[in-house]
Amino acid sequence: MRIGQNPVKIARPPVPPPQEVTVVVVSFIPYLSGYFEHSLEVLQISLESLWANTRIPFDLLVFDNASCTEVRNYLLEQHRAGRIQYLVLSEKNVGIPGARNFAFSAAPGKYIAYADYDIYFYPGWLEAHLEVFRTFPNVGMVTGTPVRPPVEISSSTLAWAEANPEATLERGVLQRWEDYRAHVLSLGFSEEKAKRTYRESEDILLRYRGKEAFVGAAHFQFVAPKAVLQEVMPFPMSIAMGDARILDQRINEKGYLRLCLTRRYVQHMGNVPSPDILALAGKEKRPSPRKRRRAHPWLYALADLPWVRRPLLFLYNRIFQLYYKRISE
């Protein structure tokens, strides 16, 4: 039954239109220990950098993949404060593919700016992304820092550039060492490995009508037209992390350009914020209650041997599965 009449029918309040860009962030922090010990701090730094360094109006959609109570309480506080426009709290972990299927369908903007929860945003990041869409035709996705993905998943971009008389390609070690180093160290590279791979691999620089972009993009952070993402969805949800390259492959197969900016406008932080990121966030380096003994170099070398590393990582993964399963039940 209904008593009276819904006042909204009479007052007819206007519905505010969505912003052109919807920023989508997916979070997954099941507990605050071990690998995830600093993850809430990483999420906070990421969102604070987004709010502080984005001048273009945007809507923020956060999809939380069954994180722990502390993380959800933080997100709820930010939602109540009006800093998160759309907050989805999933009862279970549907993985990155499931979160993207939901969020990319629900996001109301013309452009979707996707980021994992461990991304730092520098001033001007969104303007720089959108400038690429205004300059280059048929762009499918743009990443905000130089990356070097496999050439095979950028074949459509290379084919377009080679067939277009206004476009030129340059190959070589072209990105700044500082940008490359910051990215690969966040992936777990050692300083020595970073220096070696920087010299051994190459960038492909695309020039078109006075503008430059590197060929290639990455799925940890990107801006894409929603219409393009709808063409390549849904993503299979067989495992939590999903097929890491399926988004890249499908956009390439559709013939869209995949590009990245020529300097660092975003930065992947990993699971522990670096001293540089802490300084940018206005946080001091954490004081150590007591000086920790550093392991001997031979111990690192021993742990890196394949016949030692494999069983240790297997045990590490089994422990994670055991405790995550208990938390999820």
C-alpha atoms as a PDB file:
ATOM      1  CA  MET A   1       0.000   0.000   0.000  1.00  0.00           C
ATOM      2  CA  ARG A   2       0.995   3.636  -0.313  1.00  0.00           C
ATOM      3  CA  ILE A   3      -0.109   6.530   1.877  1.00  0.00           C
ATOM      4  CA  GLY A   4       0.127   9.974   0.335  1.00  0.00           C
ATOM      5  CA  GLN A   5       2.178  10.924  -2.686  1.00  0.00           C
ATOM      6  CA  ASN A   6       5.902  10.898  -3.221  1.00  0.00           C
ATOM      7  CA  PRO A   7       6.931  14.593  -2.887  1.00  0.00           C
ATOM      8  CA  VAL A   8       9.609  14.133  -5.520  1.00  0.00           C
ATOM      9  CA  LYS A   9       6.882  13.786  -8.143  1.00  0.00           C
ATOM     10  CA  ILE A  10       5.559  17.239  -7.267  1.00  0.00           C
ATOM     11  CA  ALA A  11       8.800  19.103  -6.594  1.00  0.00           C
ATOM     12  CA  ARG A  12      10.635  17.545  -9.562  1.00  0.00           C
ATOM     13  CA  PRO A  13      14.126  18.422  -8.309  1.00  0.00           C
ATOM     14  CA  PRO A  14      16.766  18.554 -11.057  1.00  0.00           C
ATOM     15  CA  VAL A  15      19.134  15.610 -11.400  1.00  0.00           C
ATOM     16  CA  PRO A  16      22.766  16.764 -11.632  1.00  0.00           C
ATOM     17  CA  PRO A  17      24.481  15.448 -14.760  1.00  0.00           C
ATOM     18  CA  PRO A  18      27.551  13.242 -14.289  1.00  0.00           C
ATOM     19  CA  GLN A  19      31.039  14.590 -14.897  1.00  0.00           C
ATOM     20  CA  GLU A  20      32.710  13.768 -18.205  1.00  0.00           C
ATOM     21  CA  VAL A  21      35.290  11.625 -16.393  1.00  0.00           C
ATOM     22  CA  THR A  22      34.587   8.897 -13.853  1.00  0.00           C
ATOM     23  CA  VAL A  23      37.655   7.822 -11.901  1.00  0.00           C
ATOM     24  CA  VAL A  24      37.369   4.134 -10.981  1.00  0.00           C
ATOM     25  CA  VAL A  25      39.516   2.721  -8.169  1.00  0.00           C
ATOM     26  CA  VAL A  26      39.427  -0.941  -7.163  1.00  0.00           C
ATOM     27  CA  SER A  27      40.637  -1.815  -3.655  1.00  0.00           C
ATOM     28  CA  PHE A  28      41.425  -5.182  -2.090  1.00  0.00           C
ATOM     29  CA  ILE A  29      43.029  -5.192   1.362  1.00  0.00           C
ATOM     30  CA  PRO A  30      41.863  -8.296   3.246  1.00  0.00           C
ATOM     31  CA  TYR A  31      43.898  -7.565   6.399  1.00  0.00           C
ATOM     32  CA  LEU A  32      46.578  -5.181   7.647  1.00  0.00           C
ATOM     33  CA  SER A  33      49.515  -7.502   8.213  1.00  0.00           C
ATOM     34  CA  GLY A  34      52.191  -9.232   6.174  1.00  0.00           C
ATOM     35  CA  TYR A  35      52.093  -8.158   2.546  1.00  0.00           C
ATOM     36  CA  PHE A  36      49.178  -5.787   3.280  1.00  0.00           C
ATOM     37  CA  GLU A  37      50.677  -4.165   6.391  1.00  0.00           C
ATOM     38  CA  HIS A  38      50.980  -0.713   4.765  1.00  0.00           C
ATOM     39  CA  SER A  39      48.192  -1.078   2.192  1.00  0.00           C
ATOM     40  CA  LEU A  40      45.660   1.158   3.955  1.00  0.00           C
ATOM     41  CA  GLU A  41      48.274   3.904   4.082  1.00  0.00           C
ATOM     42  CA  VAL A  42      48.953   3.335   0.372  1.00  0.00           C
ATOM     43  CA  LEU A  43      45.225   3.640  -0.406  1.00  0.00           C
ATOM     44  CA  GLN A  44      44.965   6.836   1.634  1.00  0.00           C
ATOM     45  CA  ILE A  45      47.985   8.391  -0.090  1.00  0.00           C
ATOM     46  CA  SER A  46      46.556   7.425  -3.482  1.00  0.00           C
ATOM     47  CA  LEU A  47      43.146   8.987  -2.892  1.00  0.00           C
ATOM     48  CA  GLU A  48      44.573  12.104  -1.249  1.00  0.00           C
ATOM     49  CA  SER A  49      46.839  12.652  -4.265  1.00  0.00           C
ATOM     50  CA  LEU A  50      43.824  12.200  -6.551  1.00  0.00           C
ATOM     51  CA  TRP A  51      41.760  14.787  -4.691  1.00  0.00           C
ATOM     52  CA  ALA A  52      44.646  17.243  -4.358  1.00  0.00           C
ATOM     53  CA  ASN A  53      46.088  17.021  -7.870  1.00  0.00           C
ATOM     54  CA  THR A  54      43.019  16.813 -10.136  1.00  0.00           C
ATOM     55  CA  ARG A  55      41.723  20.175 -11.340  1.00  0.00           C
ATOM     56  CA  ILE A  56      39.236  18.842 -13.896  1.00  0.00           C
ATOM     57  CA  PRO A  57      35.891  17.927 -12.258  1.00  0.00           C
ATOM     58  CA  PHE A  58      35.337  14.177 -11.953  1.00  0.00           C
ATOM     59  CA  ASP A  59      33.184  11.612 -10.210  1.00  0.00           C
ATOM     60  CA  LEU A  60      34.924   8.966  -8.105  1.00  0.00           C
ATOM     61  CA  LEU A  61      33.688   5.378  -8.040  1.00  0.00           C
ATOM     62  CA  VAL A  62      35.432   3.028  -5.596  1.00  0.00           C
ATOM     63  CA  PHE A  63      34.766  -0.697  -5.830  1.00  0.00           C
ATOM     64  CA  ASP A  64      35.985  -2.445  -2.707  1.00  0.00           C
ATOM     65  CA  ASN A  65      36.621  -6.162  -3.094  1.00  0.00           C
ATOM     66  CA  ALA A  66      35.740  -7.411   0.417  1.00  0.00           C
ATOM     67  CA  SER A  67      38.466  -5.544   2.289  1.00  0.00           C
ATOM     68  CA  CYS A  68      38.878  -5.630   6.069  1.00  0.00           C
ATOM     69  CA  THR A  69      36.789  -3.508   8.451  1.00  0.00           C
ATOM     70  CA  GLU A  70      39.411  -0.771   8.839  1.00  0.00           C
ATOM     71  CA  VAL A  71      39.545  -0.172   5.085  1.00  0.00           C
ATOM     72  CA  ARG A  72      35.770  -0.147   4.704  1.00  0.00           C
ATOM     73  CA  ASN A  73      35.364   2.270   7.598  1.00  0.00           C
ATOM     74  CA  TYR A  74      37.831   4.637   5.941  1.00  0.00           C
ATOM     75  CA  LEU A  75      35.986   4.437   2.618  1.00  0.00           C
ATOM     76  CA  LEU A  76      32.628   4.992   4.309  1.00  0.00           C
ATOM     77  CA  GLU A  77      34.014   8.091   6.047  1.00  0.00           C
ATOM     78  CA  GLN A  78      35.180   9.526   2.732  1.00  0.00           C
ATOM     79  CA  HIS A  79      31.831   8.715   1.118  1.00  0.00           C
ATOM     80  CA  ARG A  80      29.919  10.468   3.918  1.00  0.00           C
ATOM     81  CA  ALA A  81      32.233  13.460   3.491  1.00  0.00           C
ATOM     82  CA  GLY A  82      31.252  13.696  -0.186  1.00  0.00           C
ATOM     83  CA  ARG A  83      34.688  12.796  -1.506  1.00  0.00           C
ATOM     84  CA  ILE A  84      33.574   9.483  -3.028  1.00  0.00           C
ATOM     85  CA  GLN A  85      30.490   9.811  -5.240  1.00  0.00           C
ATOM     86  CA  TYR A  86      29.859   6.094  -5.746  1.00  0.00           C
ATOM     87  CA  LEU A  87      30.996   3.474  -3.227  1.00  0.00           C
ATOM     88  CA  VAL A  88      30.454  -0.245  -3.844  1.00  0.00           C
ATOM     89  CA  LEU A  89      31.219  -2.629  -0.960  1.00  0.00           C
ATOM     90  CA  SER A  90      31.290  -6.134  -2.365  1.00  0.00           C
ATOM     91  CA  GLU A  91      30.369  -8.859   0.114  1.00  0.00           C
ATOM     92  CA  LYS A  92      32.963 -11.168  -1.476  1.00  0.00           C
ATOM     93  CA  ASN A  93      36.088 -10.793  -3.573  1.00  0.00           C
ATOM     94  CA  VAL A  94      34.962 -10.967  -7.198  1.00  0.00           C
ATOM     95  CA  GLY A  95      38.486 -10.301  -8.426  1.00  0.00           C
ATOM     96  CA  ILE A  96      39.738  -7.509 -10.629  1.00  0.00           C
ATOM     97  CA  PRO A  97      37.771  -8.765 -13.677  1.00  0.00           C
ATOM     98  CA  GLY A  98      34.511  -8.838 -11.718  1.00  0.00           C
ATOM     99  CA  ALA A  99      35.144  -5.407 -10.245  1.00  0.00           C
ATOM    100  CA  ARG A 100      35.903  -3.981 -13.688  1.00  0.00           C
ATOM    101  CA  ASN A 101      32.821  -5.581 -15.237  1.00  0.00           C
ATOM    102  CA  PHE A 102      30.654  -3.908 -12.597  1.00  0.00           C
ATOM    103  CA  ALA A 103      32.416  -0.554 -12.355  1.00  0.00           C
ATOM    104  CA  PHE A 104      32.959   0.015 -16.079  1.00  0.00           C
ATOM    105  CA  SER A 105      29.259  -0.680 -16.707  1.00  0.00           C
ATOM    106  CA  ALA A 106      28.091   1.540 -13.841  1.00  0.00           C
ATOM    107  CA  ALA A 107      30.442   4.492 -14.378  1.00  0.00           C
ATOM    108  CA  PRO A 108      28.399   7.333 -15.911  1.00  0.00           C
ATOM    109  CA  GLY A 109      31.242   9.326 -17.494  1.00  0.00           C
ATOM    110  CA  LYS A 110      32.234   9.519 -21.138  1.00  0.00           C
ATOM    111  CA  TYR A 111      35.787   8.644 -20.072  1.00  0.00           C
ATOM    112  CA  ILE A 112      36.794   6.119 -17.418  1.00  0.00           C
ATOM    113  CA  ALA A 113      40.056   6.770 -15.586  1.00  0.00           C
ATOM    114  CA  TYR A 114      40.941   3.442 -14.000  1.00  0.00           C
ATOM    115  CA  ALA A 115      43.544   2.941 -11.279  1.00  0.00           C
ATOM    116  CA  ASP A 116      44.537   0.212  -8.882  1.00  0.00           C
ATOM    117  CA  TYR A 117      44.468   1.455  -5.288  1.00  0.00           C
ATOM    118  CA  ASP A 118      48.259   1.890  -5.184  1.00  0.00           C
ATOM    119  CA  ILE A 119      48.627   4.708  -7.731  1.00  0.00           C
ATOM    120  CA  TYR A 120      49.989   8.170  -6.918  1.00  0.00           C
ATOM    121  CA  PHE A 121      48.631  11.017  -9.069  1.00  0.00           C
ATOM    122  CA  TYR A 122      50.799  14.029  -9.909  1.00  0.00           C
ATOM    123  CA  PRO A 123      49.422  17.511 -10.749  1.00  0.00           C
ATOM    124  CA  GLY A 124      48.029  17.783 -14.280  1.00  0.00           C
ATOM    125  CA  TRP A 125      47.686  14.036 -14.784  1.00  0.00           C
ATOM    126  CA  LEU A 126      44.144  14.090 -16.155  1.00  0.00           C
ATOM    127  CA  GLU A 127      44.702  17.039 -18.485  1.00  0.00           C
ATOM    128  CA  ALA A 128      47.733  15.273 -19.980  1.00  0.00           C
ATOM    129  CA  HIS A 129      45.709  12.108 -20.630  1.00  0.00           C
ATOM    130  CA  LEU A 130      42.819  13.928 -22.271  1.00  0.00           C
ATOM    131  CA  GLU A 131      45.203  15.909 -24.489  1.00  0.00           C
ATOM    132  CA  VAL A 132      46.268  12.613 -26.105  1.00  0.00           C
ATOM    133  CA  PHE A 133      42.643  11.827 -26.977  1.00  0.00           C
ATOM    134  CA  ARG A 134      42.251  15.290 -28.513  1.00  0.00           C
ATOM    135  CA  THR A 135      45.404  14.881 -30.629  1.00  0.00           C
ATOM    136  CA  PHE A 136      45.591  11.262 -31.781  1.00  0.00           C
ATOM    137  CA  PRO A 137      42.706   9.509 -33.582  1.00  0.00           C
ATOM    138  CA  ASN A 138      41.047   6.242 -32.531  1.00  0.00           C
ATOM    139  CA  VAL A 139      42.763   6.033 -29.133  1.00  0.00           C
ATOM    140  CA  GLY A 140      41.644   3.125 -26.949  1.00  0.00           C
ATOM    141  CA  MET A 141      43.652   3.655 -23.758  1.00  0.00           C
ATOM    142  CA  VAL A 142      46.337   5.963 -22.364  1.00  0.00           C
ATOM    143  CA  THR A 143      48.607   5.303 -19.380  1.00  0.00           C
ATOM    144  CA  GLY A 144      50.093   8.145 -17.369  1.00  0.00           C
ATOM    145  CA  THR A 145      53.716   6.994 -17.148  1.00  0.00           C
ATOM    146  CA  PRO A 146      56.168   5.541 -19.688  1.00  0.00           C
ATOM    147  CA  VAL A 147      55.948   1.743 -19.892  1.00  0.00           C
ATOM    148  CA  ARG A 148      57.436  -0.911 -22.164  1.00  0.00           C
ATOM    149  CA  PRO A 149      54.794  -3.589 -22.749  1.00  0.00           C
ATOM    150  CA  PRO A 150      55.305  -6.365 -25.309  1.00  0.00           C
ATOM    151  CA  VAL A 151      55.255  -5.044 -28.870  1.00  0.00           C
ATOM    152  CA  GLU A 152      52.704  -7.699 -29.910  1.00  0.00           C
ATOM    153  CA  ILE A 153      49.903  -6.042 -27.946  1.00  0.00           C
ATOM    154  CA  SER A 154      50.602  -2.696 -29.651  1.00  0.00           C
ATOM    155  CA  SER A 155      50.523  -4.033 -33.229  1.00  0.00           C
ATOM    156  CA  SER A 156      47.494  -1.923 -34.176  1.00  0.00           C
ATOM    157  CA  THR A 157      49.216   1.240 -32.952  1.00  0.00           C
ATOM    158  CA  LEU A 158      52.373   0.455 -34.917  1.00  0.00           C
ATOM    159  CA  ALA A 159      50.413  -0.461 -38.051  1.00  0.00           C
ATOM    160  CA  TRP A 160      48.503   2.833 -37.902  1.00  0.00           C
ATOM    161  CA  ALA A 161      51.704   4.843 -37.418  1.00  0.00           C
ATOM    162  CA  GLU A 162      53.542   3.105 -40.259  1.00  0.00           C
ATOM    163  CA  ALA A 163      50.612   3.680 -42.642  1.00  0.00           C
ATOM    164  CA  ASN A 164      50.052   7.345 -41.712  1.00  0.00           C
ATOM    165  CA  PRO A 165      52.307   9.859 -43.505  1.00  0.00           C
ATOM    166  CA  GLU A 166      51.871  12.404 -40.696  1.00  0.00           C
ATOM    167  CA  ALA A 167      53.172   9.966 -38.064  1.00  0.00           C
ATOM    168  CA  THR A 168      56.791   9.062 -37.314  1.00  0.00           C
ATOM    169  CA  LEU A 169      58.321   6.437 -35.044  1.00  0.00           C
ATOM    170  CA  GLU A 170      61.622   6.568 -33.153  1.00  0.00           C
ATOM    171  CA  ARG A 171      63.096   3.608 -31.290  1.00  0.00           C
ATOM    172  CA  GLY A 172      65.681   3.571 -28.544  1.00  0.00           C
ATOM    173  CA  VAL A 173      66.218   4.262 -24.855  1.00  0.00           C
ATOM    174  CA  LEU A 174      64.164   7.444 -24.858  1.00  0.00           C
ATOM    175  CA  GLN A 175      62.332   7.727 -21.532  1.00  0.00           C
ATOM    176  CA  ARG A 176      63.978   9.346 -18.534  1.00  0.00           C
ATOM    177  CA  TRP A 177      65.922   7.029 -16.265  1.00  0.00           C
ATOM    178  CA  GLU A 178      64.174   8.531 -13.219  1.00  0.00           C
ATOM    179  CA  ASP A 179      60.751   7.577 -14.596  1.00  0.00           C
ATOM    180  CA  TYR A 180      61.822   4.055 -15.521  1.00  0.00           C
ATOM    181  CA  ARG A 181      63.549   3.489 -12.191  1.00  0.00           C
ATOM    182  CA  ALA A 182      60.585   4.669 -10.134  1.00  0.00           C
ATOM    183  CA  HIS A 183      58.237   2.304 -11.964  1.00  0.00           C
ATOM    184  CA  VAL A 184      60.312  -0.880 -11.974  1.00  0.00           C
ATOM    185  CA  LEU A 185      61.465  -0.513  -8.357  1.00  0.00           C
ATOM    186  CA  SER A 186      57.776  -0.463  -7.383  1.00  0.00           C
ATOM    187  CA  LEU A 187      57.482  -3.835  -9.148  1.00  0.00           C
ATOM    188  CA  GLY A 188      60.223  -5.358  -7.013  1.00  0.00           C
ATOM    189  CA  PHE A 189      63.241  -4.873  -9.305  1.00  0.00           C
ATOM    190  CA  SER A 190      66.643  -4.434  -7.695  1.00  0.00           C
ATOM    191  CA  GLU A 191      68.692  -1.361  -8.555  1.00  0.00           C
ATOM    192  CA  GLU A 192      71.053  -3.520 -10.607  1.00  0.00           C
ATOM    193  CA  LYS A 193      68.254  -5.175 -12.568  1.00  0.00           C
ATOM    194  CA  ALA A 194      66.626  -1.792 -13.191  1.00  0.00           C
ATOM    195  CA  LYS A 195      69.837  -0.408 -14.691  1.00  0.00           C
ATOM    196  CA  ARG A 196      70.331  -3.488 -16.849  1.00  0.00           C
ATOM    197  CA  THR A 197      66.803  -3.655 -18.251  1.00  0.00           C
ATOM    198  CA  TYR A 198      66.752   0.100 -18.847  1.00  0.00           C
ATOM    199  CA  ARG A 199      69.664  -0.267 -21.248  1.00  0.00           C
ATOM    200  CA  GLU A 200      68.609  -3.574 -22.796  1.00  0.00           C
ATOM    201  CA  SER A 201      65.010  -2.728 -23.757  1.00  0.00           C
ATOM    202  CA  GLU A 202      63.727   0.146 -25.855  1.00  0.00           C
ATOM    203  CA  ASP A 203      60.956   2.712 -26.124  1.00  0.00           C
ATOM    204  CA  ILE A 204      58.965   3.467 -29.262  1.00  0.00           C
ATOM    205  CA  LEU A 205      58.142   7.153 -29.556  1.00  0.00           C
ATOM    206  CA  LEU A 206      55.224   8.187 -31.761  1.00  0.00           C
ATOM    207  CA  ARG A 207      55.100  11.750 -33.137  1.00  0.00           C
ATOM    208  CA  TYR A 208      51.943  13.097 -34.732  1.00  0.00           C
ATOM    209  CA  ARG A 209      50.961  16.676 -35.534  1.00  0.00           C
ATOM    210  CA  GLY A 210      53.464  18.166 -33.120  1.00  0.00           C
ATOM    211  CA  LYS A 211      52.588  15.836 -30.230  1.00  0.00           C
ATOM    212  CA  GLU A 212      54.466  12.877 -28.779  1.00  0.00           C
ATOM    213  CA  ALA A 213      53.444   9.702 -26.964  1.00  0.00           C
ATOM    214  CA  PHE A 214      55.121   6.379 -26.343  1.00  0.00           C
ATOM    215  CA  VAL A 215      53.610   3.297 -27.970  1.00  0.00           C
ATOM    216  CA  GLY A 216      52.001   0.970 -25.442  1.00  0.00           C
ATOM    217  CA  ALA A 217      49.817   1.202 -22.349  1.00  0.00           C
ATOM    218  CA  ALA A 218      49.373  -0.636 -19.044  1.00  0.00           C
ATOM    219  CA  HIS A 219      46.345  -2.087 -17.294  1.00  0.00           C
ATOM    220  CA  PHE A 220      47.275  -0.975 -13.743  1.00  0.00           C
ATOM    221  CA  GLN A 221      46.300   2.611 -14.660  1.00  0.00           C
ATOM    222  CA  PHE A 222      44.765   4.110 -17.778  1.00  0.00           C
ATOM    223  CA  VAL A 223      42.143   6.442 -19.191  1.00  0.00           C
ATOM    224  CA  ALA A 224      39.798   5.019 -21.830  1.00  0.00           C
ATOM    225  CA  PRO A 225      36.524   6.017 -23.474  1.00  0.00           C
ATOM    226  CA  LYS A 226      33.676   4.115 -21.863  1.00  0.00           C
ATOM    227  CA  ALA A 227      32.416   3.174 -25.330  1.00  0.00           C
ATOM    228  CA  VAL A 228      35.708   1.392 -26.052  1.00  0.00           C
ATOM    229  CA  LEU A 229      35.611  -0.540 -22.790  1.00  0.00           C
ATOM    230  CA  GLN A 230      32.056  -1.643 -23.498  1.00  0.00           C
ATOM    231  CA  GLU A 231      33.297  -3.185 -26.760  1.00  0.00           C
ATOM    232  CA  VAL A 232      35.811  -5.430 -24.973  1.00  0.00           C
ATOM    233  CA  MET A 233      33.686  -6.459 -21.964  1.00  0.00           C
ATOM    234  CA  PRO A 234      32.869  -8.618 -20.108  1.00  0.00           C
ATOM    235  CA  PHE A 235      36.127  -9.963 -18.759  1.00  0.00           C
ATOM    236  CA  PRO A 236      36.277 -13.638 -17.675  1.00  0.00           C
ATOM    237  CA  MET A 237      36.076 -14.097 -13.896  1.00  0.00           C
ATOM    238  CA  SER A 238      37.809 -17.464 -13.448  1.00  0.00           C
ATOM    239  CA  ILE A 239      40.564 -16.239 -11.099  1.00  0.00           C
ATOM    240  CA  ALA A 240      40.873 -13.207  -8.809  1.00  0.00           C
ATOM    241  CA  MET A 241      43.624 -11.370 -10.691  1.00  0.00           C
ATOM    242  CA  GLY A 242      42.282 -12.454 -14.075  1.00  0.00           C
ATOM    243  CA  ASP A 243      44.288 -12.633 -17.279  1.00  0.00           C
ATOM    244  CA  ALA A 244      46.515  -9.585 -16.786  1.00  0.00           C
ATOM    245  CA  ARG A 245      46.851  -8.901 -20.528  1.00  0.00           C
ATOM    246  CA  ILE A 246      43.317  -9.588 -21.736  1.00  0.00           C
ATOM    247  CA  LEU A 247      42.255  -5.921 -21.627  1.00  0.00           C
ATOM    248  CA  ASP A 248      45.371  -4.874 -23.561  1.00  0.00           C
ATOM    249  CA  GLN A 249      44.935  -7.663 -26.099  1.00  0.00           C
ATOM    250  CA  ARG A 250      41.268  -6.989 -26.770  1.00  0.00           C
ATOM    251  CA  ILE A 251      41.752  -3.250 -27.257  1.00  0.00           C
ATOM    252  CA  ASN A 252      44.640  -3.961 -29.625  1.00  0.00           C
ATOM    253  CA  GLU A 253      42.587  -6.522 -31.545  1.00  0.00           C
ATOM    254  CA  LYS A 254      39.818  -3.942 -32.016  1.00  0.00           C
ATOM    255  CA  GLY A 255      42.325  -1.719 -33.816  1.00  0.00           C
ATOM    256  CA  TYR A 256      42.570   1.028 -31.198  1.00  0.00           C
ATOM    257  CA  LEU A 257      45.750   2.934 -30.358  1.00  0.00           C
ATOM    258  CA  ARG A 258      47.374   2.136 -27.023  1.00  0.00           C
ATOM    259  CA  LEU A 259      49.639   4.944 -25.811  1.00  0.00           C
ATOM    260  CA  CYS A 260      51.387   6.272 -22.722  1.00  0.00           C
ATOM    261  CA  LEU A 261      52.601   9.709 -21.721  1.00  0.00           C
ATOM    262  CA  THR A 262      56.240  10.613 -22.250  1.00  0.00           C
ATOM    263  CA  ARG A 263      56.864  11.522 -18.630  1.00  0.00           C
ATOM    264  CA  ARG A 264      55.576  10.408 -15.259  1.00  0.00           C
ATOM    265  CA  TYR A 265      52.151  11.800 -14.359  1.00  0.00           C
ATOM    266  CA  VAL A 266      51.198   8.809 -12.206  1.00  0.00           C
ATOM    267  CA  GLN A 267      53.310   6.383 -10.213  1.00  0.00           C
ATOM    268  CA  HIS A 268      52.730   2.826  -9.120  1.00  0.00           C
ATOM    269  CA  MET A 269      53.555   2.634  -5.397  1.00  0.00           C
ATOM    270  CA  GLY A 270      53.411  -1.095  -4.693  1.00  0.00           C
ATOM    271  CA  ASN A 271      52.555  -2.314  -1.208  1.00  0.00           C
ATOM    272  CA  VAL A 272      54.953   0.005   0.666  1.00  0.00           C
ATOM    273  CA  PRO A 273      55.224   3.741  -0.090  1.00  0.00           C
ATOM    274  CA  SER A 274      58.759   4.806  -0.941  1.00  0.00           C
ATOM    275  CA  PRO A 275      60.511   7.655   0.932  1.00  0.00           C
ATOM    276  CA  ASP A 276      59.917   9.899  -2.104  1.00  0.00           C
ATOM    277  CA  ILE A 277      56.176   9.193  -2.052  1.00  0.00           C
ATOM    278  CA  LEU A 278      56.012   9.712   1.711  1.00  0.00           C
ATOM    279  CA  ALA A 279      57.694  13.083   1.248  1.00  0.00           C
ATOM    280  CA  LEU A 280      55.225  14.073  -1.481  1.00  0.00           C
ATOM    281  CA  ALA A 281      52.364  13.023   0.793  1.00  0.00           C
ATOM    282  CA  GLY A 282      53.729  15.157   3.612  1.00  0.00           C
ATOM    283  CA  LYS A 283      54.600  12.127   5.726  1.00  0.00           C
ATOM    284  CA  GLU A 284      57.923  11.565   7.418  1.00  0.00           C
ATOM    285  CA  LYS A 285      59.823   8.334   7.004  1.00  0.00           C
ATOM    286  CA  ARG A 286      58.670   5.919   9.689  1.00  0.00           C
ATOM    287  CA  PRO A 287      61.030   5.859  12.675  1.00  0.00           C
ATOM    288  CA  SER A 288      62.272   2.417  13.552  1.00  0.00           C
ATOM    289  CA  PRO A 289      61.805   1.496  17.241  1.00  0.00           C
ATOM    290  CA  ARG A 290      65.084  -0.347  17.167  1.00  0.00           C
ATOM    291  CA  LYS A 291      67.767  -0.781  14.602  1.00  0.00           C
ATOM    292  CA  ARG A 292      67.094  -3.846  12.531  1.00  0.00           C
ATOM    293  CA  ARG A 293      69.881  -6.189  11.652  1.00  0.00           C
ATOM    294  CA  ARG A 294      70.327  -6.337   7.915  1.00  0.00           C
ATOM    295  CA  ALA A 295      70.590  -9.810   6.451  1.00  0.00           C
ATOM    296  CA  HIS A 296      73.947 -10.806   5.045  1.00  0.00           C
ATOM    297  CA  PRO A 297      74.332 -10.483   1.244  1.00  0.00           C
ATOM    298  CA  TRP A 298      74.914 -14.237   0.953  1.00  0.00           C
ATOM    299  CA  LEU A 299      71.457 -14.843   2.435  1.00  0.00           C
ATOM    300  CA  TYR A 300      69.828 -12.763  -0.307  1.00  0.00           C
ATOM    301  CA  ALA A 301      71.850 -14.625  -2.916  1.00  0.00           C
ATOM    302  CA  LEU A 302      70.827 -17.973  -1.432  1.00  0.00           C
ATOM    303  CA  ALA A 303      67.132 -17.019  -1.325  1.00  0.00           C
ATOM    304  CA  ASP A 304      67.285 -16.013  -4.994  1.00  0.00           C
ATOM    305  CA  LEU A 305      68.441 -19.438  -6.193  1.00  0.00           C
ATOM    306  CA  PRO A 306      65.609 -21.104  -8.176  1.00  0.00           C
ATOM    307  CA  TRP A 307      65.619 -24.308  -6.098  1.00  0.00           C
ATOM    308  CA  VAL A 308      65.285 -22.207  -2.904  1.00  0.00           C
ATOM    309  CA  ARG A 309      63.000 -19.452  -4.189  1.00  0.00           C
ATOM    310  CA  ARG A 310      60.351 -21.777  -5.677  1.00  0.00           C
ATOM    311  CA  PRO A 311      59.528 -23.751  -2.500  1.00  0.00           C
ATOM    312  CA  LEU A 312      59.637 -20.604  -0.346  1.00  0.00           C
ATOM    313  CA  LEU A 313      57.204 -18.780  -2.649  1.00  0.00           C
ATOM    314  CA  PHE A 314      54.996 -21.874  -2.787  1.00  0.00           C
ATOM    315  CA  LEU A 315      54.870 -21.954   1.025  1.00  0.00           C
ATOM    316  CA  TYR A 316      54.223 -18.191   1.139  1.00  0.00           C
ATOM    317  CA  ASN A 317      51.298 -18.528  -1.261  1.00  0.00           C
ATOM    318  CA  ARG A 318      49.803 -21.477   0.630  1.00  0.00           C
ATOM    319  CA  ILE A 319      49.953 -19.546   3.905  1.00  0.00           C
ATOM    320  CA  PHE A 320      48.187 -16.602   2.264  1.00  0.00           C
ATOM    321  CA  GLN A 321      45.469 -18.864   0.853  1.00  0.00           C
ATOM    322  CA  LEU A 322      44.968 -20.520   4.225  1.00  0.00           C
ATOM    323  CA  TYR A 323      44.495 -17.298   6.173  1.00  0.00           C
ATOM    324  CA  TYR A 324      42.594 -15.460   3.440  1.00  0.00           C
ATOM    325  CA  LYS A 325      40.142 -18.342   3.192  1.00  0.00           C
ATOM    326  CA  ARG A 326      39.518 -18.171   6.950  1.00  0.00           C
ATOM    327  CA  ILE A 327      38.939 -14.407   6.792  1.00  0.00           C
ATOM    328  CA  SER A 328      36.605 -14.731   3.801  1.00  0.00           C
ATOM    329  CA  GLU A 329      34.388 -17.399   5.389  1.00  0.00           C
END
